[in-house]
Amino acid sequence: MNYAEIAVDIDALLGDDKDLFETLITGPGSGEYKGSLYVGTACMAHNCEAAQALILADTGKRQIYLAWKPEGEKIVVRPPVGEWPVLARVELRAWAVQWK
């Protein structure tokens, strides 16, 4: 969130949801590269089953894709899913399946 090169893009995607998103990513998490796509997940400490975040970064295109699941609410996706590349949508579906 503080990496200047992408912080502006992340802030623009989050808008008023920035504080909530930051809370979600302060708990346990992990990340890995899948080709040029970085896939990172994190959850709210002591509440991983109910509140999580997904960060996808396409390093080739220099694009950020975010999704988060606040406790008791539906998943929020930014930018709209239609703007996500295919591989990012695959990762989003795999992450979101736990709440179906």
Protein backbone atom coordinates (compact mmCIF):
# COMPACT_ATOMS: atom_id res chain seq x y z
CA MET A 1 0.00 0.00 0.00
CA ASN A 2 2.95 2.32 0.53
CA TYR A 3 4.88 1.32 -2.59
CA ALA A 4 4.71 4.67 -4.39
CA GLU A 5 4.68 3.19 -7.87
CA ILE A 6 1.33 1.49 -7.31
CA ALA A 7 -0.09 3.32 -4.28
CA VAL A 8 -1.81 5.95 -6.43
CA ASP A 9 -3.53 3.25 -8.51
CA ILE A 10 -4.60 1.33 -5.41
CA ASP A 11 -5.93 4.46 -3.73
CA ALA A 12 -7.92 5.35 -6.86
CA LEU A 13 -9.49 1.87 -6.96
CA LEU A 14 -10.34 1.85 -3.26
CA GLY A 15 -11.69 5.35 -2.75
CA ASP A 16 -13.65 5.47 0.50
CA ASP A 17 -12.99 1.75 1.11
CA LYS A 18 -9.26 2.26 1.70
CA ASP A 19 -9.40 1.97 5.51
CA LEU A 20 -11.45 -1.22 5.38
CA PHE A 21 -9.14 -2.76 2.77
CA GLU A 22 -6.06 -1.89 4.81
CA THR A 23 -7.64 -3.60 7.82
CA LEU A 24 -8.23 -6.74 5.78
CA ILE A 25 -4.65 -6.98 4.55
CA THR A 26 -2.99 -6.55 7.95
CA GLY A 27 -3.65 -10.13 8.98
CA PRO A 28 -2.12 -13.37 7.74
CA GLY A 29 -1.46 -13.55 4.02
CA SER A 30 0.56 -14.99 1.22
CA GLY A 31 1.46 -14.29 -2.36
CA GLU A 32 2.92 -15.90 -5.42
CA TYR A 33 3.66 -15.18 -9.04
CA LYS A 34 1.78 -17.01 -11.75
CA GLY A 35 3.61 -15.91 -14.86
CA SER A 36 3.42 -12.12 -14.92
CA LEU A 37 0.48 -12.09 -12.50
CA TYR A 38 1.15 -11.60 -8.80
CA VAL A 39 -1.60 -13.15 -6.68
CA GLY A 40 -1.74 -12.05 -3.05
CA THR A 41 -4.30 -12.84 -0.39
CA ALA A 42 -4.73 -11.70 3.18
CA CYS A 43 -7.40 -11.75 5.82
CA MET A 44 -8.50 -9.89 8.89
CA ALA A 45 -6.61 -11.23 11.87
CA HIS A 46 -8.65 -13.79 13.83
CA ASN A 47 -11.46 -13.60 11.26
CA CYS A 48 -10.07 -15.22 8.10
CA GLU A 49 -13.22 -17.19 7.33
CA ALA A 50 -15.35 -14.06 7.11
CA ALA A 51 -13.17 -11.16 5.90
CA GLN A 52 -10.46 -11.37 3.25
CA ALA A 53 -8.77 -9.45 0.46
CA LEU A 54 -7.30 -10.40 -2.91
CA ILE A 55 -4.66 -8.33 -4.69
CA LEU A 56 -3.69 -9.14 -8.26
CA ALA A 57 -0.95 -7.26 -10.07
CA ASP A 58 -0.27 -7.79 -13.76
CA THR A 59 3.40 -6.84 -13.83
CA GLY A 60 3.56 -6.90 -17.63
CA LYS A 61 0.68 -4.46 -18.05
CA ARG A 62 1.33 -2.65 -14.76
CA GLN A 63 -2.30 -3.03 -13.70
CA ILE A 64 -3.79 -3.67 -10.26
CA TYR A 65 -6.98 -5.64 -9.58
CA LEU A 66 -8.55 -5.79 -6.12
CA ALA A 67 -11.31 -7.78 -4.47
CA TRP A 68 -12.35 -7.98 -0.87
CA LYS A 69 -14.98 -9.67 1.22
CA PRO A 70 -16.10 -7.65 4.23
CA GLU A 71 -17.66 -9.69 7.03
CA GLY A 72 -21.35 -10.28 6.38
CA GLU A 73 -21.30 -8.54 3.01
CA LYS A 74 -20.85 -9.43 -0.65
CA ILE A 75 -17.50 -9.42 -2.41
CA VAL A 76 -16.41 -6.04 -3.77
CA VAL A 77 -14.39 -6.02 -7.00
CA ARG A 78 -12.42 -3.15 -8.51
CA PRO A 79 -12.16 -2.37 -11.35
CA PRO A 80 -15.30 -4.10 -12.70
CA VAL A 81 -14.69 -7.78 -13.49
CA GLY A 82 -15.19 -7.14 -17.21
CA GLU A 83 -11.93 -5.16 -17.16
CA TRP A 84 -9.93 -7.99 -15.61
CA PRO A 85 -7.75 -10.20 -17.82
CA VAL A 86 -8.76 -13.85 -18.13
CA LEU A 87 -6.11 -15.22 -15.76
CA ALA A 88 -7.05 -12.65 -13.10
CA ARG A 89 -10.73 -13.64 -13.41
CA VAL A 90 -9.74 -17.28 -12.95
CA GLU A 91 -7.91 -16.38 -9.74
CA LEU A 92 -10.87 -14.29 -8.55
CA ARG A 93 -13.28 -17.20 -9.07
CA ALA A 94 -10.95 -19.60 -7.26
CA TRP A 95 -10.66 -17.21 -4.31
CA ALA A 96 -14.40 -16.40 -4.18
CA VAL A 97 -15.62 -20.02 -4.25
CA GLN A 98 -15.24 -20.31 -0.47
CA TRP A 99 -18.32 -18.09 0.03
CA LYS A 100 -20.68 -19.90 -2.35
